[in-house]
Amino acid sequence: MTRAEFAGDCTLGSGSYILSGMQPAARATATEPAPHACAAAWVATAAPGVRRYLRCLRCPRDLVDDVVQDALLAAVASHGEREPPLPWLLTVAKNRWLELCRRQRPELIASLDALDLRARRELGDDGGDARVAALRACVQRLPARSQQALRLCYGEVSVARTDVAARLGLGIEGLRSLLARLRAALKQCIERRRERDA
């Protein structure tokens, strides 16, 4: 189970993105902005949703940032400073991932359309932002020990399961059981919040 999957599906992982193609041109001046300089704002807000979507399509962690960057650069080239519609952006990201799958992961090609439908349904119209907010609120309501277990297992700096179990005073099976219960509880909490807010 990866960090992005601990809530039952693909809701985590915002990451930061450095888009070399988005850097101001050397000829730009303070009064004359670089081409597409205003796109940086929408790129920064769109990137986490595109990343979540690609993780739902089983794009591995070591490739996801490259695919996100390719999709966002294509969006900037096509739309300039205007933010493209999210479905358009997700389709571009899916197509970029499909190109890589054809070369590196052909076993995923047959399931990609089904994964795409599920991801769009699960993430919703906002690319998963509401789901992430619900997850954060649900995690805040957990006891401190449970939050510590989640942070150690799925945080930015992942700790070996045996070390986490030792820190929490559990055996490895006890930790697995705790994590399974936490994932189930968080999934239920997120769904309750989504139904309440709908």
C-alpha atoms as a PDB file:
ATOM      1  CA  MET A   1       0.000   0.000   0.000  1.00  0.00           C
ATOM      2  CA  THR A   2       1.437   3.366  -0.968  1.00  0.00           C
ATOM      3  CA  ARG A   3       0.994   6.708   0.737  1.00  0.00           C
ATOM      4  CA  ALA A   4      -1.452   7.805  -1.959  1.00  0.00           C
ATOM      5  CA  GLU A   5      -3.648   4.791  -1.371  1.00  0.00           C
ATOM      6  CA  PHE A   6      -3.935   4.755   2.425  1.00  0.00           C
ATOM      7  CA  ALA A   7      -7.390   6.347   2.429  1.00  0.00           C
ATOM      8  CA  GLY A   8      -8.779   3.656   0.173  1.00  0.00           C
ATOM      9  CA  ASP A   9      -7.996   5.331  -3.127  1.00  0.00           C
ATOM     10  CA  CYS A  10      -6.065   8.115  -4.740  1.00  0.00           C
ATOM     11  CA  THR A  11      -6.524  11.273  -2.708  1.00  0.00           C
ATOM     12  CA  LEU A  12      -3.123  12.323  -1.457  1.00  0.00           C
ATOM     13  CA  GLY A  13       0.045  13.673  -2.907  1.00  0.00           C
ATOM     14  CA  SER A  14       0.124  17.267  -3.820  1.00  0.00           C
ATOM     15  CA  GLY A  15       3.851  17.601  -4.471  1.00  0.00           C
ATOM     16  CA  SER A  16       5.531  20.704  -5.845  1.00  0.00           C
ATOM     17  CA  TYR A  17       6.331  21.119  -9.486  1.00  0.00           C
ATOM     18  CA  ILE A  18       9.158  22.963 -11.152  1.00  0.00           C
ATOM     19  CA  LEU A  19       8.248  23.578 -14.750  1.00  0.00           C
ATOM     20  CA  SER A  20      11.375  24.596 -16.561  1.00  0.00           C
ATOM     21  CA  GLY A  21       9.317  25.620 -19.572  1.00  0.00           C
ATOM     22  CA  MET A  22       7.433  28.098 -17.368  1.00  0.00           C
ATOM     23  CA  GLN A  23      10.453  30.156 -16.363  1.00  0.00           C
ATOM     24  CA  PRO A  24      10.468  33.725 -17.626  1.00  0.00           C
ATOM     25  CA  ALA A  25      12.341  34.324 -20.836  1.00  0.00           C
ATOM     26  CA  ALA A  26      15.610  36.210 -20.495  1.00  0.00           C
ATOM     27  CA  ARG A  27      14.289  39.085 -22.615  1.00  0.00           C
ATOM     28  CA  ALA A  28      11.308  39.808 -20.352  1.00  0.00           C
ATOM     29  CA  THR A  29      11.408  43.026 -18.349  1.00  0.00           C
ATOM     30  CA  ALA A  30       9.613  44.125 -15.213  1.00  0.00           C
ATOM     31  CA  THR A  31       7.011  45.972 -17.296  1.00  0.00           C
ATOM     32  CA  GLU A  32       6.742  43.272 -19.956  1.00  0.00           C
ATOM     33  CA  PRO A  33       5.894  39.893 -18.442  1.00  0.00           C
ATOM     34  CA  ALA A  34       7.302  36.727 -19.959  1.00  0.00           C
ATOM     35  CA  PRO A  35       5.014  34.753 -22.239  1.00  0.00           C
ATOM     36  CA  HIS A  36       2.636  32.623 -20.168  1.00  0.00           C
ATOM     37  CA  ALA A  37       3.974  34.019 -16.873  1.00  0.00           C
ATOM     38  CA  CYS A  38       0.405  34.319 -15.566  1.00  0.00           C
ATOM     39  CA  ALA A  39      -0.157  30.630 -16.250  1.00  0.00           C
ATOM     40  CA  ALA A  40       2.019  29.786 -13.245  1.00  0.00           C
ATOM     41  CA  ALA A  41      -0.900  30.468 -10.890  1.00  0.00           C
ATOM     42  CA  TRP A  42      -3.322  28.038 -12.516  1.00  0.00           C
ATOM     43  CA  VAL A  43      -0.538  25.504 -13.104  1.00  0.00           C
ATOM     44  CA  ALA A  44       0.223  25.469  -9.375  1.00  0.00           C
ATOM     45  CA  THR A  45      -3.414  24.826  -8.489  1.00  0.00           C
ATOM     46  CA  ALA A  46      -4.039  22.272 -11.270  1.00  0.00           C
ATOM     47  CA  ALA A  47      -0.918  20.151 -10.722  1.00  0.00           C
ATOM     48  CA  PRO A  48      -2.034  18.312  -7.546  1.00  0.00           C
ATOM     49  CA  GLY A  49      -5.339  17.236  -9.118  1.00  0.00           C
ATOM     50  CA  VAL A  50      -3.605  15.981 -12.257  1.00  0.00           C
ATOM     51  CA  ARG A  51      -1.111  14.132 -10.087  1.00  0.00           C
ATOM     52  CA  ARG A  52      -3.901  12.460  -8.071  1.00  0.00           C
ATOM     53  CA  TYR A  53      -5.669  11.480 -11.285  1.00  0.00           C
ATOM     54  CA  LEU A  54      -2.530   9.905 -12.752  1.00  0.00           C
ATOM     55  CA  ARG A  55      -1.875   7.965  -9.543  1.00  0.00           C
ATOM     56  CA  CYS A  56      -5.421   6.578  -9.915  1.00  0.00           C
ATOM     57  CA  LEU A  57      -4.396   5.422 -13.387  1.00  0.00           C
ATOM     58  CA  ARG A  58      -1.520   3.523 -11.744  1.00  0.00           C
ATOM     59  CA  CYS A  59       1.166   5.884 -12.955  1.00  0.00           C
ATOM     60  CA  PRO A  60       4.149   5.051 -10.720  1.00  0.00           C
ATOM     61  CA  ARG A  61       5.545   7.578  -8.291  1.00  0.00           C
ATOM     62  CA  ASP A  62       8.850   7.803 -10.182  1.00  0.00           C
ATOM     63  CA  LEU A  63       7.093   8.807 -13.438  1.00  0.00           C
ATOM     64  CA  VAL A  64       4.090  10.806 -12.273  1.00  0.00           C
ATOM     65  CA  ASP A  65       5.857  14.166 -11.990  1.00  0.00           C
ATOM     66  CA  ASP A  66       7.219  13.852 -15.539  1.00  0.00           C
ATOM     67  CA  VAL A  67       3.777  13.023 -16.947  1.00  0.00           C
ATOM     68  CA  VAL A  68       2.182  15.885 -14.981  1.00  0.00           C
ATOM     69  CA  GLN A  69       4.811  18.278 -16.309  1.00  0.00           C
ATOM     70  CA  ASP A  70       4.259  17.105 -19.899  1.00  0.00           C
ATOM     71  CA  ALA A  71       0.491  17.570 -19.562  1.00  0.00           C
ATOM     72  CA  LEU A  72       0.817  21.027 -18.008  1.00  0.00           C
ATOM     73  CA  LEU A  73       3.324  22.174 -20.622  1.00  0.00           C
ATOM     74  CA  ALA A  74       0.910  20.994 -23.335  1.00  0.00           C
ATOM     75  CA  ALA A  75      -1.869  22.938 -21.622  1.00  0.00           C
ATOM     76  CA  VAL A  76       0.219  26.105 -21.466  1.00  0.00           C
ATOM     77  CA  ALA A  77       1.194  25.698 -25.119  1.00  0.00           C
ATOM     78  CA  SER A  78      -2.441  25.229 -26.116  1.00  0.00           C
ATOM     79  CA  HIS A  79      -4.254  27.599 -23.717  1.00  0.00           C
ATOM     80  CA  GLY A  80      -1.581  30.099 -22.713  1.00  0.00           C
ATOM     81  CA  GLU A  81      -2.585  32.073 -19.650  1.00  0.00           C
ATOM     82  CA  ARG A  82      -6.168  30.734 -19.612  1.00  0.00           C
ATOM     83  CA  GLU A  83      -6.736  27.699 -17.418  1.00  0.00           C
ATOM     84  CA  PRO A  84      -8.005  24.793 -19.505  1.00  0.00           C
ATOM     85  CA  PRO A  85     -11.100  22.872 -18.413  1.00  0.00           C
ATOM     86  CA  LEU A  86     -10.206  20.068 -16.011  1.00  0.00           C
ATOM     87  CA  PRO A  87     -11.607  17.291 -18.255  1.00  0.00           C
ATOM     88  CA  TRP A  88      -9.390  18.523 -21.107  1.00  0.00           C
ATOM     89  CA  LEU A  89      -6.344  18.595 -18.856  1.00  0.00           C
ATOM     90  CA  LEU A  90      -7.040  15.101 -17.506  1.00  0.00           C
ATOM     91  CA  THR A  91      -7.456  13.763 -21.042  1.00  0.00           C
ATOM     92  CA  VAL A  92      -4.073  15.198 -22.022  1.00  0.00           C
ATOM     93  CA  ALA A  93      -2.512  13.633 -18.921  1.00  0.00           C
ATOM     94  CA  LYS A  94      -4.161  10.286 -19.703  1.00  0.00           C
ATOM     95  CA  ASN A  95      -2.866  10.388 -23.282  1.00  0.00           C
ATOM     96  CA  ARG A  96       0.672  11.179 -22.109  1.00  0.00           C
ATOM     97  CA  TRP A  97       0.479   8.248 -19.675  1.00  0.00           C
ATOM     98  CA  LEU A  98      -0.943   6.022 -22.429  1.00  0.00           C
ATOM     99  CA  GLU A  99       2.072   6.828 -24.618  1.00  0.00           C
ATOM    100  CA  LEU A 100       4.400   5.712 -21.823  1.00  0.00           C
ATOM    101  CA  CYS A 101       2.308   2.583 -21.149  1.00  0.00           C
ATOM    102  CA  ARG A 102       2.605   1.517 -24.763  1.00  0.00           C
ATOM    103  CA  ARG A 103       6.386   1.537 -24.409  1.00  0.00           C
ATOM    104  CA  GLN A 104       6.906   0.530 -20.776  1.00  0.00           C
ATOM    105  CA  ARG A 105       3.728  -0.968 -19.241  1.00  0.00           C
ATOM    106  CA  PRO A 106       1.622  -2.596 -21.970  1.00  0.00           C
ATOM    107  CA  GLU A 107      -0.256  -4.683 -19.382  1.00  0.00           C
ATOM    108  CA  LEU A 108      -2.059  -1.515 -18.199  1.00  0.00           C
ATOM    109  CA  ILE A 109      -3.386  -0.440 -21.595  1.00  0.00           C
ATOM    110  CA  ALA A 110      -6.442  -2.728 -21.504  1.00  0.00           C
ATOM    111  CA  SER A 111      -7.544  -1.438 -18.075  1.00  0.00           C
ATOM    112  CA  LEU A 112      -6.777   2.249 -18.630  1.00  0.00           C
ATOM    113  CA  ASP A 113     -10.287   3.254 -19.752  1.00  0.00           C
ATOM    114  CA  ALA A 114     -11.891   1.572 -16.734  1.00  0.00           C
ATOM    115  CA  LEU A 115      -9.345   3.206 -14.418  1.00  0.00           C
ATOM    116  CA  ASP A 116     -10.062   6.564 -16.073  1.00  0.00           C
ATOM    117  CA  LEU A 117     -13.817   6.272 -15.459  1.00  0.00           C
ATOM    118  CA  ARG A 118     -13.328   5.250 -11.849  1.00  0.00           C
ATOM    119  CA  ALA A 119     -10.803   8.026 -11.207  1.00  0.00           C
ATOM    120  CA  ARG A 120     -13.039  10.734 -12.657  1.00  0.00           C
ATOM    121  CA  ARG A 121     -15.985   9.440 -10.621  1.00  0.00           C
ATOM    122  CA  GLU A 122     -13.965   9.178  -7.401  1.00  0.00           C
ATOM    123  CA  LEU A 123     -12.138  12.487  -7.733  1.00  0.00           C
ATOM    124  CA  GLY A 124     -15.138  14.496  -8.907  1.00  0.00           C
ATOM    125  CA  ASP A 125     -15.296  17.794 -10.731  1.00  0.00           C
ATOM    126  CA  ASP A 126     -12.609  19.424  -8.600  1.00  0.00           C
ATOM    127  CA  GLY A 127      -9.911  16.822  -9.242  1.00  0.00           C
ATOM    128  CA  GLY A 128     -10.112  15.462  -5.700  1.00  0.00           C
ATOM    129  CA  ASP A 129      -9.605  18.698  -3.770  1.00  0.00           C
ATOM    130  CA  ALA A 130     -12.787  18.211  -1.692  1.00  0.00           C
ATOM    131  CA  ARG A 131     -11.772  14.637  -0.984  1.00  0.00           C
ATOM    132  CA  VAL A 132      -8.340  15.733   0.252  1.00  0.00           C
ATOM    133  CA  ALA A 133      -9.942  18.388   2.484  1.00  0.00           C
ATOM    134  CA  ALA A 134     -12.296  15.736   3.903  1.00  0.00           C
ATOM    135  CA  LEU A 135      -9.370  13.371   4.478  1.00  0.00           C
ATOM    136  CA  ARG A 136      -7.421  16.034   6.351  1.00  0.00           C
ATOM    137  CA  ALA A 137     -10.427  16.807   8.539  1.00  0.00           C
ATOM    138  CA  CYS A 138     -10.963  13.090   9.243  1.00  0.00           C
ATOM    139  CA  VAL A 139      -7.296  12.548  10.133  1.00  0.00           C
ATOM    140  CA  GLN A 140      -7.451  15.496  12.565  1.00  0.00           C
ATOM    141  CA  ARG A 141     -10.273  13.749  14.434  1.00  0.00           C
ATOM    142  CA  LEU A 142      -8.224  10.568  14.991  1.00  0.00           C
ATOM    143  CA  PRO A 143      -6.429   9.861  18.283  1.00  0.00           C
ATOM    144  CA  ALA A 144      -2.798  11.017  18.450  1.00  0.00           C
ATOM    145  CA  ARG A 145      -1.425   7.457  18.244  1.00  0.00           C
ATOM    146  CA  SER A 146      -3.385   6.774  15.052  1.00  0.00           C
ATOM    147  CA  GLN A 147      -2.186  10.036  13.512  1.00  0.00           C
ATOM    148  CA  GLN A 148       1.372   9.097  14.426  1.00  0.00           C
ATOM    149  CA  ALA A 149       0.996   5.700  12.744  1.00  0.00           C
ATOM    150  CA  LEU A 150      -0.312   7.342   9.564  1.00  0.00           C
ATOM    151  CA  ARG A 151       2.402   9.993   9.570  1.00  0.00           C
ATOM    152  CA  LEU A 152       5.172   7.421  10.026  1.00  0.00           C
ATOM    153  CA  CYS A 153       3.835   4.987   7.416  1.00  0.00           C
ATOM    154  CA  TYR A 154       2.501   7.343   4.775  1.00  0.00           C
ATOM    155  CA  GLY A 155       4.156  10.711   5.450  1.00  0.00           C
ATOM    156  CA  GLU A 156       6.684  12.420   3.249  1.00  0.00           C
ATOM    157  CA  VAL A 157       9.495  10.526   4.978  1.00  0.00           C
ATOM    158  CA  SER A 158       8.341   6.926   5.137  1.00  0.00           C
ATOM    159  CA  VAL A 159       9.688   4.786   7.969  1.00  0.00           C
ATOM    160  CA  ALA A 160      10.143   1.008   7.732  1.00  0.00           C
ATOM    161  CA  ARG A 161       7.086  -0.883   9.019  1.00  0.00           C
ATOM    162  CA  THR A 162       9.156  -2.768  11.591  1.00  0.00           C
ATOM    163  CA  ASP A 163      10.427   0.542  13.025  1.00  0.00           C
ATOM    164  CA  VAL A 164       6.902   1.987  13.112  1.00  0.00           C
ATOM    165  CA  ALA A 165       5.608  -1.088  14.892  1.00  0.00           C
ATOM    166  CA  ALA A 166       8.411  -0.836  17.475  1.00  0.00           C
ATOM    167  CA  ARG A 167       7.758   2.887  18.073  1.00  0.00           C
ATOM    168  CA  LEU A 168       4.068   2.195  18.644  1.00  0.00           C
ATOM    169  CA  GLY A 169       4.726  -0.834  20.839  1.00  0.00           C
ATOM    170  CA  LEU A 170       3.099  -3.230  18.365  1.00  0.00           C
ATOM    171  CA  GLY A 171       4.104  -6.315  16.465  1.00  0.00           C
ATOM    172  CA  ILE A 172       4.145  -6.129  12.664  1.00  0.00           C
ATOM    173  CA  GLU A 173       0.763  -7.889  12.450  1.00  0.00           C
ATOM    174  CA  GLY A 174      -0.659  -5.479  15.016  1.00  0.00           C
ATOM    175  CA  LEU A 175       0.511  -2.564  12.874  1.00  0.00           C
ATOM    176  CA  ARG A 176      -1.028  -4.080   9.752  1.00  0.00           C
ATOM    177  CA  SER A 177      -4.299  -4.526  11.590  1.00  0.00           C
ATOM    178  CA  LEU A 178      -4.197  -0.955  12.917  1.00  0.00           C
ATOM    179  CA  LEU A 179      -3.511   0.454   9.438  1.00  0.00           C
ATOM    180  CA  ALA A 180      -6.324  -1.606   7.889  1.00  0.00           C
ATOM    181  CA  ARG A 181      -8.767  -0.326  10.528  1.00  0.00           C
ATOM    182  CA  LEU A 182      -7.570   3.258  10.011  1.00  0.00           C
ATOM    183  CA  ARG A 183      -7.952   3.043   6.219  1.00  0.00           C
ATOM    184  CA  ALA A 184     -11.481   1.681   6.600  1.00  0.00           C
ATOM    185  CA  ALA A 185     -12.418   4.331   9.180  1.00  0.00           C
ATOM    186  CA  LEU A 186     -10.995   7.137   7.042  1.00  0.00           C
ATOM    187  CA  LYS A 187     -12.794   5.893   3.955  1.00  0.00           C
ATOM    188  CA  GLN A 188     -16.109   5.855   5.848  1.00  0.00           C
ATOM    189  CA  CYS A 189     -15.443   9.298   7.317  1.00  0.00           C
ATOM    190  CA  ILE A 190     -14.646  10.742   3.884  1.00  0.00           C
ATOM    191  CA  GLU A 191     -17.802   9.244   2.361  1.00  0.00           C
ATOM    192  CA  ARG A 192     -19.963  10.608   5.232  1.00  0.00           C
ATOM    193  CA  ARG A 193     -18.490  14.071   4.744  1.00  0.00           C
ATOM    194  CA  ARG A 194     -19.029  13.919   0.973  1.00  0.00           C
ATOM    195  CA  GLU A 195     -22.663  12.838   1.428  1.00  0.00           C
ATOM    196  CA  ARG A 196     -23.222  15.561   4.030  1.00  0.00           C
ATOM    197  CA  ASP A 197     -21.720  18.239   1.816  1.00  0.00           C
ATOM    198  CA  ALA A 198     -23.509  17.075  -1.362  1.00  0.00           C
END
